[in-house]
Amino acid sequence: MPENRRTKLHVDADGRLVLPAPVSTALGLTPGADVPSELTDQGMAIDRSLDHLVRLYIEPTNACNLDCRTCMRNAWEEPLGMMDEVTFNQVIEGIKSFSPIPQVFFGGYGEPLTHPKILDMIRRTRELGAEIELITNGILLTPQISRSLIDLGVNTVWVSLDGITPESYADIRLGAELPIVLRNLDALHK
């Protein structure tokens, strides 16, 4: 449930607050659950259940198409790799066990768009009903990839930028060109 959605609640004849099923589901509440809440000067805040998984982070790869001077990969000895299909299938099966299905964020230390099966991963996750977010450095966000992400129903695309001029950007994002990213963002916007 989006954080800014307003809804009407009902108070029954015994003075109990009755939450509509979509609200209870979105908050991960089950019958008999204790609900974290706070009475404030503004009203009442009802939190999600502490047992409710809200967001799942999936790192499809730790590889990247850039060589940024600030990247931690410059100081680690971890081998680069791509999530294999067997592992991703296990993740999908695990997601199915949650109710409601959590949001899924594709990202991490690698560039998700370098994974050769990223669009399939997104498609399969979206088919479960998950809201999808993806972070990218924008270099591989071509018009074709942008169209695919839109067609797959990706809810949010985050683009990570370091610098507002081509010179300041290139100083950190070695191997990248800000004009390419800006063209890709313009295509995504259109």
N, C-alpha and C. Protein backbone atom coordinates (compact mmCIF):
# COMPACT_ATOMS: atom_id res chain seq x y z
N MET A 1 0.85 -1.18 0.00
CA MET A 1 0.00 0.00 0.00
C MET A 1 0.90 1.23 0.00
N PRO A 2 0.72 2.14 -0.92
CA PRO A 2 1.51 3.36 -0.94
C PRO A 2 1.37 4.13 0.36
N GLU A 3 2.44 4.77 0.80
CA GLU A 3 2.45 5.45 2.08
C GLU A 3 1.49 6.63 2.13
N ASN A 4 1.17 7.22 1.01
CA ASN A 4 0.34 8.42 1.02
C ASN A 4 -1.14 8.15 0.73
N ARG A 5 -1.55 6.91 0.72
CA ARG A 5 -2.95 6.58 0.43
C ARG A 5 -3.80 6.82 1.68
N ARG A 6 -4.87 7.59 1.53
CA ARG A 6 -5.78 7.84 2.64
C ARG A 6 -6.97 6.90 2.49
N THR A 7 -7.51 6.49 3.63
CA THR A 7 -8.68 5.62 3.62
C THR A 7 -9.54 5.93 4.83
N LYS A 8 -10.80 5.58 4.76
CA LYS A 8 -11.69 5.75 5.91
C LYS A 8 -11.70 4.44 6.70
N LEU A 9 -11.65 4.60 8.02
CA LEU A 9 -11.74 3.45 8.92
C LEU A 9 -13.11 3.50 9.59
N HIS A 10 -13.51 2.39 10.16
CA HIS A 10 -14.82 2.30 10.78
C HIS A 10 -14.65 2.00 12.27
N VAL A 11 -15.45 2.63 13.09
CA VAL A 11 -15.51 2.32 14.52
C VAL A 11 -16.83 1.59 14.75
N ASP A 12 -16.72 0.35 15.27
CA ASP A 12 -17.94 -0.44 15.45
C ASP A 12 -18.69 -0.01 16.70
N ALA A 13 -19.82 -0.66 17.00
CA ALA A 13 -20.69 -0.29 18.12
C ALA A 13 -20.00 -0.42 19.46
N ASP A 14 -18.95 -1.24 19.54
CA ASP A 14 -18.21 -1.41 20.79
C ASP A 14 -17.01 -0.47 20.89
N GLY A 15 -16.87 0.46 19.93
CA GLY A 15 -15.78 1.42 19.97
C GLY A 15 -14.46 0.89 19.43
N ARG A 16 -14.53 -0.25 18.76
CA ARG A 16 -13.31 -0.83 18.19
C ARG A 16 -13.08 -0.29 16.78
N LEU A 17 -11.82 0.02 16.51
CA LEU A 17 -11.43 0.49 15.18
C LEU A 17 -11.34 -0.72 14.26
N VAL A 18 -12.05 -0.68 13.15
CA VAL A 18 -12.07 -1.79 12.20
C VAL A 18 -11.28 -1.38 10.97
N LEU A 19 -10.25 -2.13 10.65
CA LEU A 19 -9.44 -1.83 9.47
C LEU A 19 -9.97 -2.61 8.28
N PRO A 20 -10.11 -1.96 7.13
CA PRO A 20 -10.51 -2.70 5.93
C PRO A 20 -9.44 -3.74 5.59
N ALA A 21 -9.85 -4.83 4.98
CA ALA A 21 -8.93 -5.93 4.65
C ALA A 21 -7.70 -5.46 3.87
N PRO A 22 -7.84 -4.58 2.86
CA PRO A 22 -6.63 -4.15 2.14
C PRO A 22 -5.62 -3.44 3.04
N VAL A 23 -6.12 -2.70 4.04
CA VAL A 23 -5.22 -2.00 4.96
C VAL A 23 -4.52 -3.02 5.86
N SER A 24 -5.28 -3.94 6.42
CA SER A 24 -4.68 -4.99 7.27
C SER A 24 -3.64 -5.78 6.50
N THR A 25 -3.96 -6.14 5.27
CA THR A 25 -3.02 -6.91 4.45
C THR A 25 -1.76 -6.11 4.18
N ALA A 26 -1.92 -4.84 3.81
CA ALA A 26 -0.76 -4.00 3.50
C ALA A 26 0.14 -3.82 4.72
N LEU A 27 -0.46 -3.82 5.91
CA LEU A 27 0.33 -3.66 7.13
C LEU A 27 0.86 -4.99 7.65
N GLY A 28 0.49 -6.09 6.99
CA GLY A 28 0.97 -7.41 7.42
C GLY A 28 0.31 -7.88 8.70
N LEU A 29 -0.93 -7.43 8.93
CA LEU A 29 -1.62 -7.77 10.17
C LEU A 29 -2.49 -9.00 9.97
N THR A 30 -2.48 -9.85 10.95
CA THR A 30 -3.31 -11.05 10.94
C THR A 30 -4.22 -11.00 12.17
N PRO A 31 -5.34 -11.72 12.16
CA PRO A 31 -6.24 -11.69 13.31
C PRO A 31 -5.49 -12.05 14.60
N GLY A 32 -5.74 -11.25 15.62
CA GLY A 32 -5.10 -11.47 16.91
C GLY A 32 -3.73 -10.84 17.05
N ALA A 33 -3.24 -10.18 15.98
CA ALA A 33 -1.90 -9.57 16.02
C ALA A 33 -1.89 -8.34 16.91
N ASP A 34 -0.77 -8.12 17.59
CA ASP A 34 -0.57 -6.86 18.30
C ASP A 34 -0.08 -5.84 17.29
N VAL A 35 -0.66 -4.66 17.30
CA VAL A 35 -0.37 -3.65 16.30
C VAL A 35 0.43 -2.51 16.93
N PRO A 36 1.65 -2.29 16.45
CA PRO A 36 2.40 -1.14 16.96
C PRO A 36 1.70 0.15 16.52
N SER A 37 1.43 1.04 17.47
CA SER A 37 0.77 2.29 17.13
C SER A 37 1.24 3.38 18.08
N GLU A 38 0.94 4.61 17.71
CA GLU A 38 1.35 5.75 18.51
C GLU A 38 0.27 6.82 18.45
N LEU A 39 -0.16 7.27 19.62
CA LEU A 39 -1.11 8.36 19.70
C LEU A 39 -0.31 9.65 19.77
N THR A 40 -0.59 10.57 18.84
CA THR A 40 0.15 11.83 18.78
C THR A 40 -0.83 13.00 18.84
N ASP A 41 -0.30 14.21 18.88
CA ASP A 41 -1.14 15.41 18.85
C ASP A 41 -1.92 15.49 17.53
N GLN A 42 -1.37 14.89 16.48
CA GLN A 42 -1.97 14.93 15.16
C GLN A 42 -3.02 13.84 14.94
N GLY A 43 -2.98 12.80 15.73
CA GLY A 43 -3.89 11.67 15.56
C GLY A 43 -3.22 10.38 16.01
N MET A 44 -3.37 9.34 15.22
CA MET A 44 -2.80 8.05 15.56
C MET A 44 -2.03 7.52 14.37
N ALA A 45 -0.86 6.97 14.65
CA ALA A 45 -0.05 6.32 13.62
C ALA A 45 -0.07 4.83 13.88
N ILE A 46 -0.40 4.05 12.86
CA ILE A 46 -0.40 2.59 12.96
C ILE A 46 0.74 2.08 12.10
N ASP A 47 1.64 1.33 12.70
CA ASP A 47 2.80 0.80 11.98
C ASP A 47 2.51 -0.57 11.40
N ARG A 48 3.36 -0.96 10.48
CA ARG A 48 3.30 -2.32 9.96
C ARG A 48 3.69 -3.29 11.07
N SER A 49 3.26 -4.52 10.91
CA SER A 49 3.67 -5.57 11.83
C SER A 49 5.18 -5.73 11.78
N LEU A 50 5.80 -5.96 12.91
CA LEU A 50 7.24 -6.17 12.93
C LEU A 50 7.62 -7.50 12.27
N ASP A 51 6.64 -8.36 12.07
CA ASP A 51 6.88 -9.65 11.42
C ASP A 51 6.64 -9.60 9.91
N HIS A 52 6.34 -8.43 9.39
CA HIS A 52 5.96 -8.27 7.98
C HIS A 52 7.16 -7.78 7.17
N LEU A 53 7.56 -8.58 6.18
CA LEU A 53 8.66 -8.17 5.28
C LEU A 53 8.10 -7.16 4.28
N VAL A 54 8.66 -5.96 4.30
CA VAL A 54 8.17 -4.89 3.45
C VAL A 54 8.93 -4.84 2.13
N ARG A 55 10.26 -4.97 2.19
CA ARG A 55 11.08 -4.84 0.99
C ARG A 55 12.17 -5.91 1.00
N LEU A 56 12.38 -6.49 -0.16
CA LEU A 56 13.43 -7.49 -0.35
C LEU A 56 14.44 -6.93 -1.34
N TYR A 57 15.70 -6.97 -0.98
CA TYR A 57 16.78 -6.49 -1.84
C TYR A 57 17.41 -7.68 -2.55
N ILE A 58 17.46 -7.62 -3.86
CA ILE A 58 18.10 -8.67 -4.66
C ILE A 58 19.27 -8.04 -5.41
N GLU A 59 20.45 -8.62 -5.23
CA GLU A 59 21.63 -8.16 -5.95
C GLU A 59 21.93 -9.19 -7.04
N PRO A 60 21.47 -8.92 -8.28
CA PRO A 60 21.65 -9.90 -9.34
C PRO A 60 23.10 -10.11 -9.75
N THR A 61 23.93 -9.10 -9.50
CA THR A 61 25.36 -9.20 -9.82
C THR A 61 26.14 -8.21 -8.97
N ASN A 62 27.40 -8.53 -8.75
CA ASN A 62 28.28 -7.55 -8.10
C ASN A 62 29.25 -6.97 -9.13
N ALA A 63 29.03 -7.32 -10.39
CA ALA A 63 29.84 -6.78 -11.49
C ALA A 63 29.26 -5.44 -11.94
N CYS A 64 30.10 -4.63 -12.54
CA CYS A 64 29.65 -3.32 -13.00
C CYS A 64 30.33 -2.98 -14.31
N ASN A 65 29.70 -2.13 -15.08
CA ASN A 65 30.26 -1.67 -16.36
C ASN A 65 31.14 -0.45 -16.18
N LEU A 66 31.29 0.04 -14.95
CA LEU A 66 32.12 1.21 -14.67
C LEU A 66 33.27 0.85 -13.74
N ASP A 67 34.19 1.78 -13.59
CA ASP A 67 35.33 1.62 -12.68
C ASP A 67 35.46 2.91 -11.88
N CYS A 68 34.49 3.15 -10.99
CA CYS A 68 34.45 4.40 -10.23
C CYS A 68 35.52 4.41 -9.15
N ARG A 69 36.14 5.55 -8.98
CA ARG A 69 37.22 5.66 -8.00
C ARG A 69 36.71 5.49 -6.57
N THR A 70 35.44 5.76 -6.31
CA THR A 70 34.89 5.65 -4.96
C THR A 70 34.29 4.27 -4.65
N CYS A 71 34.32 3.36 -5.60
CA CYS A 71 33.67 2.06 -5.42
C CYS A 71 34.47 1.17 -4.48
N MET A 72 33.75 0.47 -3.62
CA MET A 72 34.41 -0.43 -2.68
C MET A 72 35.06 -1.63 -3.38
N ARG A 73 34.65 -1.90 -4.63
CA ARG A 73 35.27 -3.02 -5.35
C ARG A 73 36.77 -2.78 -5.56
N ASN A 74 37.20 -1.53 -5.45
CA ASN A 74 38.63 -1.22 -5.58
C ASN A 74 39.43 -1.75 -4.40
N ALA A 75 38.76 -2.08 -3.30
CA ALA A 75 39.47 -2.52 -2.10
C ALA A 75 39.10 -3.93 -1.65
N TRP A 76 38.30 -4.64 -2.41
CA TRP A 76 37.93 -5.98 -1.96
C TRP A 76 38.49 -7.04 -2.88
N GLU A 77 38.46 -8.24 -2.40
CA GLU A 77 39.00 -9.36 -3.16
C GLU A 77 37.89 -10.33 -3.57
N GLU A 78 36.67 -9.90 -3.44
CA GLU A 78 35.52 -10.74 -3.78
C GLU A 78 35.47 -10.95 -5.29
N PRO A 79 35.34 -12.20 -5.72
CA PRO A 79 35.24 -12.42 -7.17
C PRO A 79 33.92 -11.86 -7.72
N LEU A 80 33.97 -11.37 -8.94
CA LEU A 80 32.76 -10.85 -9.58
C LEU A 80 31.91 -12.01 -10.07
N GLY A 81 30.61 -11.83 -10.03
CA GLY A 81 29.74 -12.91 -10.47
C GLY A 81 28.33 -12.45 -10.74
N MET A 82 27.57 -13.34 -11.31
CA MET A 82 26.17 -13.12 -11.64
C MET A 82 25.33 -14.14 -10.88
N MET A 83 24.17 -13.73 -10.37
CA MET A 83 23.27 -14.68 -9.73
C MET A 83 22.83 -15.70 -10.77
N ASP A 84 22.95 -16.97 -10.40
CA ASP A 84 22.56 -18.01 -11.36
C ASP A 84 21.06 -18.29 -11.26
N GLU A 85 20.56 -19.02 -12.24
CA GLU A 85 19.12 -19.27 -12.32
C GLU A 85 18.61 -20.10 -11.16
N VAL A 86 19.42 -21.06 -10.68
CA VAL A 86 19.01 -21.90 -9.56
C VAL A 86 18.78 -21.03 -8.31
N THR A 87 19.71 -20.13 -8.04
CA THR A 87 19.58 -19.25 -6.88
C THR A 87 18.37 -18.34 -7.04
N PHE A 88 18.21 -17.77 -8.23
CA PHE A 88 17.07 -16.87 -8.44
C PHE A 88 15.75 -17.63 -8.30
N ASN A 89 15.68 -18.87 -8.78
CA ASN A 89 14.47 -19.68 -8.62
C ASN A 89 14.15 -19.87 -7.14
N GLN A 90 15.17 -20.05 -6.31
CA GLN A 90 14.96 -20.19 -4.87
C GLN A 90 14.42 -18.89 -4.27
N VAL A 91 14.95 -17.77 -4.74
CA VAL A 91 14.46 -16.47 -4.27
C VAL A 91 12.98 -16.32 -4.64
N ILE A 92 12.63 -16.64 -5.86
CA ILE A 92 11.23 -16.53 -6.31
C ILE A 92 10.33 -17.41 -5.46
N GLU A 93 10.75 -18.64 -5.18
CA GLU A 93 9.95 -19.53 -4.34
C GLU A 93 9.79 -18.94 -2.94
N GLY A 94 10.85 -18.32 -2.42
CA GLY A 94 10.77 -17.70 -1.10
C GLY A 94 9.81 -16.52 -1.08
N ILE A 95 9.84 -15.71 -2.14
CA ILE A 95 8.94 -14.56 -2.21
C ILE A 95 7.48 -15.02 -2.19
N LYS A 96 7.20 -16.13 -2.84
CA LYS A 96 5.83 -16.65 -2.90
C LYS A 96 5.26 -16.95 -1.52
N SER A 97 6.13 -17.20 -0.54
CA SER A 97 5.65 -17.58 0.79
C SER A 97 5.20 -16.38 1.62
N PHE A 98 5.42 -15.16 1.15
CA PHE A 98 5.04 -13.99 1.92
C PHE A 98 3.66 -13.49 1.51
N SER A 99 2.92 -13.01 2.50
CA SER A 99 1.64 -12.38 2.23
C SER A 99 1.54 -11.16 3.14
N PRO A 100 1.47 -9.98 2.54
CA PRO A 100 1.49 -9.73 1.11
C PRO A 100 2.91 -9.86 0.55
N ILE A 101 2.99 -9.91 -0.76
CA ILE A 101 4.28 -9.98 -1.44
C ILE A 101 5.03 -8.68 -1.17
N PRO A 102 6.30 -8.76 -0.75
CA PRO A 102 7.06 -7.53 -0.48
C PRO A 102 7.45 -6.81 -1.76
N GLN A 103 7.79 -5.53 -1.61
CA GLN A 103 8.41 -4.81 -2.71
C GLN A 103 9.76 -5.47 -2.97
N VAL A 104 10.23 -5.43 -4.22
CA VAL A 104 11.53 -6.01 -4.55
C VAL A 104 12.40 -4.92 -5.19
N PHE A 105 13.59 -4.77 -4.63
CA PHE A 105 14.55 -3.79 -5.08
C PHE A 105 15.72 -4.53 -5.73
N PHE A 106 15.96 -4.28 -7.01
CA PHE A 106 17.10 -4.88 -7.71
C PHE A 106 18.25 -3.88 -7.68
N GLY A 107 19.32 -4.24 -7.03
CA GLY A 107 20.48 -3.38 -6.94
C GLY A 107 21.47 -3.91 -5.93
N GLY A 108 22.49 -3.15 -5.68
CA GLY A 108 23.53 -3.55 -4.73
C GLY A 108 24.84 -2.92 -5.17
N TYR A 109 25.92 -3.65 -5.00
CA TYR A 109 27.22 -3.11 -5.40
C TYR A 109 27.46 -3.22 -6.89
N GLY A 110 26.69 -4.03 -7.58
CA GLY A 110 26.85 -4.18 -9.01
C GLY A 110 25.80 -3.39 -9.78
N GLU A 111 25.97 -3.37 -11.08
CA GLU A 111 25.01 -2.72 -11.99
C GLU A 111 24.04 -3.79 -12.47
N PRO A 112 22.77 -3.77 -11.99
CA PRO A 112 21.82 -4.82 -12.34
C PRO A 112 21.63 -5.02 -13.85
N LEU A 113 21.73 -3.93 -14.62
CA LEU A 113 21.49 -4.06 -16.06
C LEU A 113 22.61 -4.80 -16.78
N THR A 114 23.72 -5.12 -16.10
CA THR A 114 24.75 -5.95 -16.73
C THR A 114 24.39 -7.43 -16.69
N HIS A 115 23.42 -7.80 -15.85
CA HIS A 115 23.03 -9.21 -15.77
C HIS A 115 22.26 -9.57 -17.05
N PRO A 116 22.69 -10.60 -17.76
CA PRO A 116 22.03 -10.92 -19.03
C PRO A 116 20.57 -11.33 -18.90
N LYS A 117 20.12 -11.72 -17.72
CA LYS A 117 18.73 -12.15 -17.54
C LYS A 117 17.93 -11.20 -16.66
N ILE A 118 18.40 -9.97 -16.50
CA ILE A 118 17.72 -9.04 -15.59
C ILE A 118 16.28 -8.81 -15.98
N LEU A 119 15.98 -8.67 -17.26
CA LEU A 119 14.59 -8.42 -17.67
C LEU A 119 13.70 -9.62 -17.35
N ASP A 120 14.22 -10.82 -17.50
CA ASP A 120 13.47 -12.02 -17.14
C ASP A 120 13.27 -12.07 -15.62
N MET A 121 14.30 -11.71 -14.86
CA MET A 121 14.18 -11.69 -13.40
C MET A 121 13.08 -10.71 -12.97
N ILE A 122 13.08 -9.55 -13.58
CA ILE A 122 12.06 -8.55 -13.26
C ILE A 122 10.68 -9.06 -13.65
N ARG A 123 10.57 -9.63 -14.83
CA ARG A 123 9.28 -10.16 -15.30
C ARG A 123 8.73 -11.20 -14.32
N ARG A 124 9.58 -12.14 -13.93
CA ARG A 124 9.13 -13.22 -13.04
C ARG A 124 8.73 -12.68 -11.66
N THR A 125 9.45 -11.69 -11.19
CA THR A 125 9.14 -11.10 -9.89
C THR A 125 7.85 -10.29 -9.97
N ARG A 126 7.68 -9.56 -11.05
CA ARG A 126 6.47 -8.75 -11.26
C ARG A 126 5.24 -9.65 -11.37
N GLU A 127 5.40 -10.82 -11.98
CA GLU A 127 4.28 -11.76 -12.11
C GLU A 127 3.75 -12.22 -10.76
N LEU A 128 4.56 -12.11 -9.72
CA LEU A 128 4.12 -12.46 -8.37
C LEU A 128 3.28 -11.35 -7.75
N GLY A 129 3.25 -10.19 -8.42
CA GLY A 129 2.51 -9.06 -7.91
C GLY A 129 3.36 -8.07 -7.13
N ALA A 130 4.66 -8.26 -7.14
CA ALA A 130 5.56 -7.38 -6.39
C ALA A 130 5.72 -6.03 -7.08
N GLU A 131 5.80 -4.98 -6.27
CA GLU A 131 6.24 -3.69 -6.79
C GLU A 131 7.75 -3.81 -7.00
N ILE A 132 8.25 -3.23 -8.08
CA ILE A 132 9.66 -3.38 -8.45
C ILE A 132 10.35 -2.03 -8.46
N GLU A 133 11.55 -2.01 -7.86
CA GLU A 133 12.45 -0.86 -7.95
C GLU A 133 13.78 -1.38 -8.48
N LEU A 134 14.49 -0.51 -9.20
CA LEU A 134 15.79 -0.87 -9.76
C LEU A 134 16.69 0.35 -9.69
N ILE A 135 17.94 0.15 -9.32
CA ILE A 135 18.91 1.25 -9.35
C ILE A 135 19.93 0.96 -10.44
N THR A 136 20.34 2.00 -11.13
CA THR A 136 21.28 1.86 -12.24
C THR A 136 22.18 3.08 -12.31
N ASN A 137 23.33 2.92 -12.96
CA ASN A 137 24.17 4.10 -13.19
C ASN A 137 23.73 4.83 -14.46
N GLY A 138 22.78 4.26 -15.20
CA GLY A 138 22.19 4.95 -16.34
C GLY A 138 22.88 4.73 -17.67
N ILE A 139 24.08 4.19 -17.67
CA ILE A 139 24.81 3.99 -18.93
C ILE A 139 24.10 2.97 -19.83
N LEU A 140 23.61 1.89 -19.24
CA LEU A 140 22.97 0.83 -20.02
C LEU A 140 21.46 1.02 -20.15
N LEU A 141 20.96 2.14 -19.68
CA LEU A 141 19.53 2.42 -19.71
C LEU A 141 19.15 2.99 -21.08
N THR A 142 19.36 2.17 -22.09
CA THR A 142 19.08 2.56 -23.47
C THR A 142 17.58 2.73 -23.68
N PRO A 143 17.17 3.38 -24.75
CA PRO A 143 15.72 3.48 -25.02
C PRO A 143 15.03 2.11 -25.06
N GLN A 144 15.70 1.09 -25.59
CA GLN A 144 15.11 -0.24 -25.64
C GLN A 144 14.94 -0.82 -24.24
N ILE A 145 15.95 -0.67 -23.40
CA ILE A 145 15.86 -1.17 -22.02
C ILE A 145 14.79 -0.38 -21.26
N SER A 146 14.75 0.93 -21.45
CA SER A 146 13.73 1.75 -20.79
C SER A 146 12.33 1.28 -21.17
N ARG A 147 12.10 1.04 -22.46
CA ARG A 147 10.80 0.56 -22.93
C ARG A 147 10.46 -0.78 -22.28
N SER A 148 11.46 -1.67 -22.18
CA SER A 148 11.22 -2.98 -21.55
C SER A 148 10.86 -2.82 -20.07
N LEU A 149 11.56 -1.94 -19.36
CA LEU A 149 11.27 -1.72 -17.94
C LEU A 149 9.86 -1.17 -17.75
N ILE A 150 9.46 -0.27 -18.62
CA ILE A 150 8.10 0.27 -18.56
C ILE A 150 7.08 -0.82 -18.87
N ASP A 151 7.33 -1.58 -19.93
CA ASP A 151 6.40 -2.66 -20.31
C ASP A 151 6.28 -3.71 -19.22
N LEU A 152 7.36 -3.94 -18.47
CA LEU A 152 7.34 -4.93 -17.38
C LEU A 152 6.68 -4.39 -16.12
N GLY A 153 6.38 -3.09 -16.11
CA GLY A 153 5.69 -2.51 -14.95
C GLY A 153 6.59 -2.14 -13.80
N VAL A 154 7.87 -1.86 -14.07
CA VAL A 154 8.77 -1.43 -13.01
C VAL A 154 8.22 -0.13 -12.43
N ASN A 155 8.09 -0.10 -11.10
CA ASN A 155 7.47 1.05 -10.44
C ASN A 155 8.41 2.23 -10.30
N THR A 156 9.68 1.96 -9.98
CA THR A 156 10.64 3.05 -9.74
C THR A 156 11.99 2.67 -10.31
N VAL A 157 12.59 3.59 -11.05
CA VAL A 157 13.96 3.44 -11.53
C VAL A 157 14.78 4.54 -10.88
N TRP A 158 15.78 4.14 -10.11
CA TRP A 158 16.71 5.08 -9.48
C TRP A 158 17.95 5.17 -10.35
N VAL A 159 18.43 6.37 -10.60
CA VAL A 159 19.66 6.55 -11.36
C VAL A 159 20.66 7.25 -10.45
N SER A 160 21.79 6.61 -10.25
CA SER A 160 22.83 7.13 -9.38
C SER A 160 23.79 8.00 -10.19
N LEU A 161 23.94 9.25 -9.77
CA LEU A 161 24.81 10.20 -10.45
C LEU A 161 25.84 10.76 -9.47
N ASP A 162 27.06 10.98 -9.93
CA ASP A 162 28.10 11.63 -9.15
C ASP A 162 28.67 12.77 -9.98
N GLY A 163 28.17 13.97 -9.75
CA GLY A 163 28.64 15.13 -10.50
C GLY A 163 27.57 15.67 -11.41
N ILE A 164 27.59 17.01 -11.59
CA ILE A 164 26.57 17.63 -12.44
C ILE A 164 27.14 18.19 -13.74
N THR A 165 28.44 18.09 -13.88
CA THR A 165 29.06 18.48 -15.15
C THR A 165 29.78 17.26 -15.70
N PRO A 166 29.98 17.19 -17.01
CA PRO A 166 30.72 16.05 -17.55
C PRO A 166 32.09 15.87 -16.89
N GLU A 167 32.74 16.96 -16.55
CA GLU A 167 34.09 16.88 -15.95
C GLU A 167 34.03 16.33 -14.52
N SER A 168 33.11 16.86 -13.70
CA SER A 168 33.03 16.38 -12.32
C SER A 168 32.53 14.94 -12.27
N TYR A 169 31.61 14.61 -13.18
CA TYR A 169 31.08 13.25 -13.26
C TYR A 169 32.19 12.28 -13.65
N ALA A 170 32.95 12.61 -14.68
CA ALA A 170 34.02 11.73 -15.17
C ALA A 170 35.15 11.59 -14.15
N ASP A 171 35.31 12.58 -13.27
CA ASP A 171 36.35 12.50 -12.25
C ASP A 171 36.10 11.33 -11.29
N ILE A 172 34.82 11.01 -11.04
CA ILE A 172 34.48 9.92 -10.13
C ILE A 172 34.09 8.67 -10.91
N ARG A 173 33.22 8.82 -11.89
CA ARG A 173 32.69 7.69 -12.65
C ARG A 173 33.60 7.38 -13.83
N LEU A 174 34.73 6.81 -13.53
CA LEU A 174 35.68 6.48 -14.60
C LEU A 174 35.02 5.52 -15.58
N GLY A 175 35.13 5.80 -16.85
CA GLY A 175 34.52 4.95 -17.87
C GLY A 175 33.10 5.36 -18.21
N ALA A 176 32.62 6.47 -17.67
CA ALA A 176 31.25 6.90 -17.96
C ALA A 176 31.25 8.30 -18.56
N GLU A 177 30.17 8.58 -19.22
CA GLU A 177 30.01 9.91 -19.80
C GLU A 177 28.63 10.42 -19.43
N LEU A 178 28.59 11.55 -18.75
CA LEU A 178 27.33 12.14 -18.32
C LEU A 178 26.37 12.39 -19.48
N PRO A 179 26.82 12.86 -20.64
CA PRO A 179 25.86 13.07 -21.73
C PRO A 179 25.11 11.79 -22.13
N ILE A 180 25.76 10.64 -22.06
CA ILE A 180 25.08 9.37 -22.37
C ILE A 180 23.96 9.13 -21.37
N VAL A 181 24.27 9.32 -20.09
CA VAL A 181 23.27 9.11 -19.05
C VAL A 181 22.10 10.07 -19.23
N LEU A 182 22.40 11.32 -19.52
CA LEU A 182 21.33 12.31 -19.69
C LEU A 182 20.46 11.99 -20.90
N ARG A 183 21.06 11.53 -22.00
CA ARG A 183 20.27 11.10 -23.17
C ARG A 183 19.38 9.92 -22.80
N ASN A 184 19.95 8.97 -22.06
CA ASN A 184 19.16 7.80 -21.64
C ASN A 184 18.01 8.20 -20.73
N LEU A 185 18.25 9.14 -19.81
CA LEU A 185 17.18 9.61 -18.94
C LEU A 185 16.10 10.34 -19.73
N ASP A 186 16.51 11.10 -20.70
CA ASP A 186 15.53 11.80 -21.54
C ASP A 186 14.67 10.80 -22.29
N ALA A 187 15.29 9.74 -22.79
CA ALA A 187 14.52 8.71 -23.51
C ALA A 187 13.56 7.99 -22.55
N LEU A 188 14.03 7.70 -21.34
CA LEU A 188 13.15 7.06 -20.35
C LEU A 188 11.97 7.97 -20.04
N HIS A 189 12.24 9.23 -19.86
CA HIS A 189 11.18 10.20 -19.55
C HIS A 189 10.13 10.25 -20.67
N LYS A 190 10.61 10.26 -21.92
CA LYS A 190 9.69 10.33 -23.06
C LYS A 190 8.90 9.04 -23.19
